[in-house]
Amino acid sequence: MEGITGADLANAAAYLGAGIAMGFGAIGPGIGEGFAAGKACEGIARTPEEAGLLTRTMLVGQAVSESTGIYSLVIALLLIFVVAK
């Protein structure tokens, strides 16, 4: 009967790390984008004539915020497909 090898532990750590990276990496952008959208809705409700400017500014901010989620995805994919073989 074989025991757990070092390669098995490395694979398990890589998969666990990928899950943790995506879990924490998705929380920040999700909260940030929701907060930005809420504040943009409040701004549009106060000054409807500025809706276009507020929407554009909100979308730029959300795109910047989403970049951290994309970085987390890249790290998770590297852990899955490069480290865990």
PDB file of N, CA and C in Angstrom:
ATOM      1  N   MET A   1       0.842  -1.171   0.000  1.00  0.00           N
ATOM      2  CA  MET A   1       0.000   0.000   0.000  1.00  0.00           C
ATOM      3  C   MET A   1       0.892   1.240   0.000  1.00  0.00           C
ATOM      4  N   GLU A   2       0.566   2.173  -0.887  1.00  0.00           N
ATOM      5  CA  GLU A   2       1.354   3.392  -0.985  1.00  0.00           C
ATOM      6  C   GLU A   2       0.847   4.443  -0.023  1.00  0.00           C
ATOM      7  N   GLY A   3       1.751   5.275   0.448  1.00  0.00           N
ATOM      8  CA  GLY A   3       1.381   6.400   1.303  1.00  0.00           C
ATOM      9  C   GLY A   3       1.249   7.670   0.478  1.00  0.00           C
ATOM     10  N   ILE A   4       1.051   8.727   1.167  1.00  0.00           N
ATOM     11  CA  ILE A   4       0.947  10.024   0.502  1.00  0.00           C
ATOM     12  C   ILE A   4       2.361  10.512   0.209  1.00  0.00           C
ATOM     13  N   THR A   5       2.590  10.866  -1.035  1.00  0.00           N
ATOM     14  CA  THR A   5       3.915  11.325  -1.439  1.00  0.00           C
ATOM     15  C   THR A   5       3.992  12.849  -1.388  1.00  0.00           C
ATOM     16  N   GLY A   6       5.187  13.346  -1.569  1.00  0.00           N
ATOM     17  CA  GLY A   6       5.388  14.788  -1.600  1.00  0.00           C
ATOM     18  C   GLY A   6       4.664  15.439  -2.770  1.00  0.00           C
ATOM     19  N   ALA A   7       4.611  14.741  -3.894  1.00  0.00           N
ATOM     20  CA  ALA A   7       3.910  15.276  -5.065  1.00  0.00           C
ATOM     21  C   ALA A   7       2.412  15.400  -4.791  1.00  0.00           C
ATOM     22  N   ASP A   8       1.865  14.428  -4.058  1.00  0.00           N
ATOM     23  CA  ASP A   8       0.442  14.504  -3.698  1.00  0.00           C
ATOM     24  C   ASP A   8       0.165  15.713  -2.808  1.00  0.00           C
ATOM     25  N   LEU A   9       1.053  15.952  -1.860  1.00  0.00           N
ATOM     26  CA  LEU A   9       0.887  17.104  -0.978  1.00  0.00           C
ATOM     27  C   LEU A   9       1.031  18.420  -1.748  1.00  0.00           C
ATOM     28  N   ALA A  10       1.956  18.458  -2.698  1.00  0.00           N
ATOM     29  CA  ALA A  10       2.131  19.667  -3.505  1.00  0.00           C
ATOM     30  C   ALA A  10       0.897  19.937  -4.355  1.00  0.00           C
ATOM     31  N   ASN A  11       0.330  18.894  -4.935  1.00  0.00           N
ATOM     32  CA  ASN A  11      -0.895  19.061  -5.728  1.00  0.00           C
ATOM     33  C   ASN A  11      -2.052  19.535  -4.860  1.00  0.00           C
ATOM     34  N   ALA A  12      -2.190  18.941  -3.690  1.00  0.00           N
ATOM     35  CA  ALA A  12      -3.268  19.346  -2.786  1.00  0.00           C
ATOM     36  C   ALA A  12      -3.102  20.800  -2.367  1.00  0.00           C
ATOM     37  N   ALA A  13      -1.878  21.199  -2.062  1.00  0.00           N
ATOM     38  CA  ALA A  13      -1.625  22.589  -1.673  1.00  0.00           C
ATOM     39  C   ALA A  13      -1.900  23.546  -2.831  1.00  0.00           C
ATOM     40  N   ALA A  14      -1.572  23.127  -4.057  1.00  0.00           N
ATOM     41  CA  ALA A  14      -1.826  23.985  -5.221  1.00  0.00           C
ATOM     42  C   ALA A  14      -3.322  24.178  -5.439  1.00  0.00           C
ATOM     43  N   TYR A  15      -4.086  23.093  -5.335  1.00  0.00           N
ATOM     44  CA  TYR A  15      -5.543  23.210  -5.508  1.00  0.00           C
ATOM     45  C   TYR A  15      -6.173  24.031  -4.380  1.00  0.00           C
ATOM     46  N   LEU A  16      -5.714  23.825  -3.177  1.00  0.00           N
ATOM     47  CA  LEU A  16      -6.223  24.605  -2.044  1.00  0.00           C
ATOM     48  C   LEU A  16      -5.857  26.083  -2.212  1.00  0.00           C
ATOM     49  N   GLY A  17      -4.633  26.347  -2.615  1.00  0.00           N
ATOM     50  CA  GLY A  17      -4.206  27.720  -2.844  1.00  0.00           C
ATOM     51  C   GLY A  17      -4.989  28.394  -3.951  1.00  0.00           C
ATOM     52  N   ALA A  18      -5.318  27.646  -5.013  1.00  0.00           N
ATOM     53  CA  ALA A  18      -6.113  28.212  -6.105  1.00  0.00           C
ATOM     54  C   ALA A  18      -7.510  28.586  -5.619  1.00  0.00           C
ATOM     55  N   GLY A  19      -8.098  27.735  -4.814  1.00  0.00           N
ATOM     56  CA  GLY A  19      -9.425  28.041  -4.277  1.00  0.00           C
ATOM     57  C   GLY A  19      -9.412  29.242  -3.353  1.00  0.00           C
ATOM     58  N   ILE A  20      -8.408  29.316  -2.509  1.00  0.00           N
ATOM     59  CA  ILE A  20      -8.300  30.446  -1.592  1.00  0.00           C
ATOM     60  C   ILE A  20      -8.021  31.738  -2.370  1.00  0.00           C
ATOM     61  N   ALA A  21      -7.164  31.668  -3.382  1.00  0.00           N
ATOM     62  CA  ALA A  21      -6.856  32.851  -4.185  1.00  0.00           C
ATOM     63  C   ALA A  21      -8.106  33.389  -4.856  1.00  0.00           C
ATOM     64  N   MET A  22      -8.924  32.512  -5.408  1.00  0.00           N
ATOM     65  CA  MET A  22     -10.145  32.984  -6.066  1.00  0.00           C
ATOM     66  C   MET A  22     -11.179  33.439  -5.050  1.00  0.00           C
ATOM     67  N   GLY A  23     -11.231  32.780  -3.911  1.00  0.00           N
ATOM     68  CA  GLY A  23     -12.202  33.180  -2.892  1.00  0.00           C
ATOM     69  C   GLY A  23     -11.935  34.578  -2.374  1.00  0.00           C
ATOM     70  N   PHE A  24     -10.702  34.825  -1.941  1.00  0.00           N
ATOM     71  CA  PHE A  24     -10.358  36.156  -1.439  1.00  0.00           C
ATOM     72  C   PHE A  24     -10.238  37.169  -2.574  1.00  0.00           C
ATOM     73  N   GLY A  25      -9.780  36.703  -3.731  1.00  0.00           N
ATOM     74  CA  GLY A  25      -9.601  37.611  -4.862  1.00  0.00           C
ATOM     75  C   GLY A  25     -10.912  38.103  -5.461  1.00  0.00           C
ATOM     76  N   ALA A  26     -11.989  37.401  -5.226  1.00  0.00           N
ATOM     77  CA  ALA A  26     -13.283  37.814  -5.777  1.00  0.00           C
ATOM     78  C   ALA A  26     -14.091  38.649  -4.783  1.00  0.00           C
ATOM     79  N   ILE A  27     -13.741  38.594  -3.516  1.00  0.00           N
ATOM     80  CA  ILE A  27     -14.496  39.350  -2.514  1.00  0.00           C
ATOM     81  C   ILE A  27     -14.277  40.853  -2.696  1.00  0.00           C
ATOM     82  N   GLY A  28     -13.031  41.270  -2.836  1.00  0.00           N
ATOM     83  CA  GLY A  28     -12.717  42.693  -2.962  1.00  0.00           C
ATOM     84  C   GLY A  28     -13.390  43.366  -4.148  1.00  0.00           C
ATOM     85  N   PRO A  29     -13.214  42.829  -5.361  1.00  0.00           N
ATOM     86  CA  PRO A  29     -13.877  43.444  -6.507  1.00  0.00           C
ATOM     87  C   PRO A  29     -15.405  43.412  -6.399  1.00  0.00           C
ATOM     88  N   GLY A  30     -15.942  42.350  -5.839  1.00  0.00           N
ATOM     89  CA  GLY A  30     -17.400  42.274  -5.695  1.00  0.00           C
ATOM     90  C   GLY A  30     -17.942  43.362  -4.787  1.00  0.00           C
ATOM     91  N   ILE A  31     -17.290  43.552  -3.655  1.00  0.00           N
ATOM     92  CA  ILE A  31     -17.721  44.594  -2.723  1.00  0.00           C
ATOM     93  C   ILE A  31     -17.483  45.975  -3.329  1.00  0.00           C
ATOM     94  N   GLY A  32     -16.320  46.174  -3.922  1.00  0.00           N
ATOM     95  CA  GLY A  32     -15.992  47.476  -4.501  1.00  0.00           C
ATOM     96  C   GLY A  32     -16.913  47.874  -5.636  1.00  0.00           C
ATOM     97  N   GLU A  33     -17.211  46.935  -6.524  1.00  0.00           N
ATOM     98  CA  GLU A  33     -18.095  47.249  -7.653  1.00  0.00           C
ATOM     99  C   GLU A  33     -19.524  47.493  -7.187  1.00  0.00           C
ATOM    100  N   GLY A  34     -19.969  46.740  -6.209  1.00  0.00           N
ATOM    101  CA  GLY A  34     -21.310  46.967  -5.676  1.00  0.00           C
ATOM    102  C   GLY A  34     -21.420  48.325  -5.003  1.00  0.00           C
ATOM    103  N   PHE A  35     -20.395  48.696  -4.265  1.00  0.00           N
ATOM    104  CA  PHE A  35     -20.377  49.999  -3.603  1.00  0.00           C
ATOM    105  C   PHE A  35     -20.378  51.122  -4.639  1.00  0.00           C
ATOM    106  N   ALA A  36     -19.562  50.979  -5.684  1.00  0.00           N
ATOM    107  CA  ALA A  36     -19.500  52.006  -6.734  1.00  0.00           C
ATOM    108  C   ALA A  36     -20.833  52.139  -7.464  1.00  0.00           C
ATOM    109  N   ALA A  37     -21.468  51.014  -7.766  1.00  0.00           N
ATOM    110  CA  ALA A  37     -22.758  51.058  -8.450  1.00  0.00           C
ATOM    111  C   ALA A  37     -23.818  51.710  -7.570  1.00  0.00           C
ATOM    112  N   GLY A  38     -23.801  51.408  -6.288  1.00  0.00           N
ATOM    113  CA  GLY A  38     -24.759  52.016  -5.369  1.00  0.00           C
ATOM    114  C   GLY A  38     -24.582  53.520  -5.276  1.00  0.00           C
ATOM    115  N   LYS A  39     -23.333  53.962  -5.161  1.00  0.00           N
ATOM    116  CA  LYS A  39     -23.072  55.403  -5.087  1.00  0.00           C
ATOM    117  C   LYS A  39     -23.413  56.098  -6.405  1.00  0.00           C
ATOM    118  N   ALA A  40     -23.190  55.421  -7.530  1.00  0.00           N
ATOM    119  CA  ALA A  40     -23.565  56.011  -8.819  1.00  0.00           C
ATOM    120  C   ALA A  40     -25.081  56.156  -8.921  1.00  0.00           C
ATOM    121  N   CYS A  41     -25.812  55.165  -8.444  1.00  0.00           N
ATOM    122  CA  CYS A  41     -27.281  55.268  -8.439  1.00  0.00           C
ATOM    123  C   CYS A  41     -27.744  56.420  -7.553  1.00  0.00           C
ATOM    124  N   GLU A  42     -27.096  56.593  -6.414  1.00  0.00           N
ATOM    125  CA  GLU A  42     -27.439  57.725  -5.548  1.00  0.00           C
ATOM    126  C   GLU A  42     -27.152  59.053  -6.245  1.00  0.00           C
ATOM    127  N   GLY A  43     -26.021  59.128  -6.933  1.00  0.00           N
ATOM    128  CA  GLY A  43     -25.669  60.355  -7.646  1.00  0.00           C
ATOM    129  C   GLY A  43     -26.624  60.651  -8.784  1.00  0.00           C
ATOM    130  N   ILE A  44     -27.045  59.622  -9.505  1.00  0.00           N
ATOM    131  CA  ILE A  44     -27.993  59.813 -10.598  1.00  0.00           C
ATOM    132  C   ILE A  44     -29.347  60.236 -10.057  1.00  0.00           C
ATOM    133  N   ALA A  45     -29.729  59.702  -8.911  1.00  0.00           N
ATOM    134  CA  ALA A  45     -31.005  60.097  -8.303  1.00  0.00           C
ATOM    135  C   ALA A  45     -30.980  61.565  -7.878  1.00  0.00           C
ATOM    136  N   ARG A  46     -29.824  62.046  -7.447  1.00  0.00           N
ATOM    137  CA  ARG A  46     -29.717  63.446  -7.013  1.00  0.00           C
ATOM    138  C   ARG A  46     -29.640  64.400  -8.200  1.00  0.00           C
ATOM    139  N   THR A  47     -28.868  64.033  -9.213  1.00  0.00           N
ATOM    140  CA  THR A  47     -28.700  64.895 -10.391  1.00  0.00           C
ATOM    141  C   THR A  47     -28.840  64.059 -11.665  1.00  0.00           C
ATOM    142  N   PRO A  48     -30.069  63.850 -12.112  1.00  0.00           N
ATOM    143  CA  PRO A  48     -30.291  62.999 -13.292  1.00  0.00           C
ATOM    144  C   PRO A  48     -29.615  63.515 -14.564  1.00  0.00           C
ATOM    145  N   GLU A  49     -29.394  64.823 -14.659  1.00  0.00           N
ATOM    146  CA  GLU A  49     -28.766  65.364 -15.878  1.00  0.00           C
ATOM    147  C   GLU A  49     -27.303  64.959 -16.006  1.00  0.00           C
ATOM    148  N   GLU A  50     -26.689  64.487 -14.943  1.00  0.00           N
ATOM    149  CA  GLU A  50     -25.296  64.033 -14.970  1.00  0.00           C
ATOM    150  C   GLU A  50     -25.174  62.515 -15.086  1.00  0.00           C
ATOM    151  N   ALA A  51     -26.242  61.853 -15.517  1.00  0.00           N
ATOM    152  CA  ALA A  51     -26.257  60.384 -15.560  1.00  0.00           C
ATOM    153  C   ALA A  51     -25.162  59.818 -16.461  1.00  0.00           C
ATOM    154  N   GLY A  52     -24.944  60.443 -17.622  1.00  0.00           N
ATOM    155  CA  GLY A  52     -23.926  59.933 -18.543  1.00  0.00           C
ATOM    156  C   GLY A  52     -22.533  59.993 -17.951  1.00  0.00           C
ATOM    157  N   LEU A  53     -22.185  61.128 -17.357  1.00  0.00           N
ATOM    158  CA  LEU A  53     -20.866  61.281 -16.744  1.00  0.00           C
ATOM    159  C   LEU A  53     -20.689  60.331 -15.563  1.00  0.00           C
ATOM    160  N   LEU A  54     -21.706  60.213 -14.729  1.00  0.00           N
ATOM    161  CA  LEU A  54     -21.618  59.313 -13.579  1.00  0.00           C
ATOM    162  C   LEU A  54     -21.478  57.860 -14.014  1.00  0.00           C
ATOM    163  N   THR A  55     -22.221  57.479 -15.044  1.00  0.00           N
ATOM    164  CA  THR A  55     -22.148  56.098 -15.536  1.00  0.00           C
ATOM    165  C   THR A  55     -20.758  55.790 -16.094  1.00  0.00           C
ATOM    166  N   ARG A  56     -20.219  56.701 -16.890  1.00  0.00           N
ATOM    167  CA  ARG A  56     -18.867  56.479 -17.448  1.00  0.00           C
ATOM    168  C   ARG A  56     -17.824  56.375 -16.344  1.00  0.00           C
ATOM    169  N   THR A  57     -17.894  57.274 -15.381  1.00  0.00           N
ATOM    170  CA  THR A  57     -16.929  57.255 -14.286  1.00  0.00           C
ATOM    171  C   THR A  57     -17.058  55.975 -13.474  1.00  0.00           C
ATOM    172  N   MET A  58     -18.297  55.536 -13.232  1.00  0.00           N
ATOM    173  CA  MET A  58     -18.516  54.298 -12.488  1.00  0.00           C
ATOM    174  C   MET A  58     -17.929  53.103 -13.237  1.00  0.00           C
ATOM    175  N   LEU A  59     -18.133  53.051 -14.546  1.00  0.00           N
ATOM    176  CA  LEU A  59     -17.629  51.911 -15.313  1.00  0.00           C
ATOM    177  C   LEU A  59     -16.110  51.868 -15.346  1.00  0.00           C
ATOM    178  N   VAL A  60     -15.456  53.024 -15.420  1.00  0.00           N
ATOM    179  CA  VAL A  60     -13.992  53.056 -15.376  1.00  0.00           C
ATOM    180  C   VAL A  60     -13.501  52.565 -14.015  1.00  0.00           C
ATOM    181  N   GLY A  61     -14.141  53.027 -12.959  1.00  0.00           N
ATOM    182  CA  GLY A  61     -13.766  52.577 -11.625  1.00  0.00           C
ATOM    183  C   GLY A  61     -13.985  51.086 -11.431  1.00  0.00           C
ATOM    184  N   GLN A  62     -15.067  50.565 -11.978  1.00  0.00           N
ATOM    185  CA  GLN A  62     -15.326  49.138 -11.851  1.00  0.00           C
ATOM    186  C   GLN A  62     -14.325  48.320 -12.656  1.00  0.00           C
ATOM    187  N   ALA A  63     -13.905  48.831 -13.794  1.00  0.00           N
ATOM    188  CA  ALA A  63     -12.908  48.114 -14.597  1.00  0.00           C
ATOM    189  C   ALA A  63     -11.578  48.032 -13.850  1.00  0.00           C
ATOM    190  N   VAL A  64     -11.195  49.120 -13.199  1.00  0.00           N
ATOM    191  CA  VAL A  64      -9.956  49.108 -12.414  1.00  0.00           C
ATOM    192  C   VAL A  64     -10.092  48.144 -11.238  1.00  0.00           C
ATOM    193  N   SER A  65     -11.247  48.154 -10.598  1.00  0.00           N
ATOM    194  CA  SER A  65     -11.473  47.259  -9.463  1.00  0.00           C
ATOM    195  C   SER A  65     -11.463  45.799  -9.898  1.00  0.00           C
ATOM    196  N   GLU A  66     -11.988  45.521 -11.066  1.00  0.00           N
ATOM    197  CA  GLU A  66     -12.068  44.135 -11.542  1.00  0.00           C
ATOM    198  C   GLU A  66     -10.692  43.576 -11.887  1.00  0.00           C
ATOM    199  N   SER A  67      -9.720  44.434 -12.129  1.00  0.00           N
ATOM    200  CA  SER A  67      -8.389  43.942 -12.488  1.00  0.00           C
ATOM    201  C   SER A  67      -7.783  43.093 -11.371  1.00  0.00           C
ATOM    202  N   THR A  68      -8.079  43.403 -10.113  1.00  0.00           N
ATOM    203  CA  THR A  68      -7.548  42.567  -9.036  1.00  0.00           C
ATOM    204  C   THR A  68      -8.175  41.172  -9.058  1.00  0.00           C
ATOM    205  N   GLY A  69      -9.431  41.080  -9.435  1.00  0.00           N
ATOM    206  CA  GLY A  69     -10.067  39.771  -9.578  1.00  0.00           C
ATOM    207  C   GLY A  69      -9.452  38.971 -10.714  1.00  0.00           C
ATOM    208  N   ILE A  70      -9.097  39.653 -11.782  1.00  0.00           N
ATOM    209  CA  ILE A  70      -8.468  38.975 -12.924  1.00  0.00           C
ATOM    210  C   ILE A  70      -7.074  38.495 -12.536  1.00  0.00           C
ATOM    211  N   TYR A  71      -6.338  39.284 -11.756  1.00  0.00           N
ATOM    212  CA  TYR A  71      -5.026  38.838 -11.283  1.00  0.00           C
ATOM    213  C   TYR A  71      -5.168  37.583 -10.419  1.00  0.00           C
ATOM    214  N   SER A  72      -6.188  37.543  -9.589  1.00  0.00           N
ATOM    215  CA  SER A  72      -6.425  36.359  -8.763  1.00  0.00           C
ATOM    216  C   SER A  72      -6.732  35.143  -9.630  1.00  0.00           C
ATOM    217  N   LEU A  73      -7.491  35.348 -10.687  1.00  0.00           N
ATOM    218  CA  LEU A  73      -7.798  34.254 -11.614  1.00  0.00           C
ATOM    219  C   LEU A  73      -6.530  33.735 -12.270  1.00  0.00           C
ATOM    220  N   VAL A  74      -5.659  34.630 -12.679  1.00  0.00           N
ATOM    221  CA  VAL A  74      -4.393  34.209 -13.305  1.00  0.00           C
ATOM    222  C   VAL A  74      -3.561  33.385 -12.332  1.00  0.00           C
ATOM    223  N   ILE A  75      -3.466  33.831 -11.095  1.00  0.00           N
ATOM    224  CA  ILE A  75      -2.707  33.086 -10.087  1.00  0.00           C
ATOM    225  C   ILE A  75      -3.331  31.706  -9.861  1.00  0.00           C
ATOM    226  N   ALA A  76      -4.661  31.659  -9.765  1.00  0.00           N
ATOM    227  CA  ALA A  76      -5.332  30.375  -9.552  1.00  0.00           C
ATOM    228  C   ALA A  76      -5.092  29.431 -10.724  1.00  0.00           C
ATOM    229  N   LEU A  77      -5.172  29.941 -11.944  1.00  0.00           N
ATOM    230  CA  LEU A  77      -4.933  29.088 -13.116  1.00  0.00           C
ATOM    231  C   LEU A  77      -3.487  28.608 -13.165  1.00  0.00           C
ATOM    232  N   LEU A  78      -2.548  29.470 -12.790  1.00  0.00           N
ATOM    233  CA  LEU A  78      -1.151  29.035 -12.728  1.00  0.00           C
ATOM    234  C   LEU A  78      -0.962  27.931 -11.706  1.00  0.00           C
ATOM    235  N   LEU A  79      -1.599  28.080 -10.546  1.00  0.00           N
ATOM    236  CA  LEU A  79      -1.480  27.042  -9.529  1.00  0.00           C
ATOM    237  C   LEU A  79      -2.072  25.716 -10.014  1.00  0.00           C
ATOM    238  N   ILE A  80      -3.186  25.776 -10.713  1.00  0.00           N
ATOM    239  CA  ILE A  80      -3.835  24.549 -11.160  1.00  0.00           C
ATOM    240  C   ILE A  80      -3.086  23.879 -12.301  1.00  0.00           C
ATOM    241  N   PHE A  81      -2.705  24.663 -13.321  1.00  0.00           N
ATOM    242  CA  PHE A  81      -2.178  24.061 -14.534  1.00  0.00           C
ATOM    243  C   PHE A  81      -0.650  24.001 -14.611  1.00  0.00           C
ATOM    244  N   VAL A  82       0.037  24.751 -13.757  1.00  0.00           N
ATOM    245  CA  VAL A  82       1.509  24.713 -13.795  1.00  0.00           C
ATOM    246  C   VAL A  82       2.075  23.984 -12.590  1.00  0.00           C
ATOM    247  N   VAL A  83       1.604  24.355 -11.401  1.00  0.00           N
ATOM    248  CA  VAL A  83       2.158  23.758 -10.186  1.00  0.00           C
ATOM    249  C   VAL A  83       1.613  22.342  -9.987  1.00  0.00           C
ATOM    250  N   ALA A  84       0.304  22.185 -10.090  1.00  0.00           N
ATOM    251  CA  ALA A  84      -0.314  20.864  -9.870  1.00  0.00           C
ATOM    252  C   ALA A  84      -0.308  20.108 -11.197  1.00  0.00           C
ATOM    253  N   LYS A  85       0.612  19.178 -11.337  1.00  0.00           N
ATOM    254  CA  LYS A  85       0.707  18.402 -12.578  1.00  0.00           C
ATOM    255  C   LYS A  85       0.221  16.996 -12.362  1.00  0.00           C
TER     256      LYS A  85
END
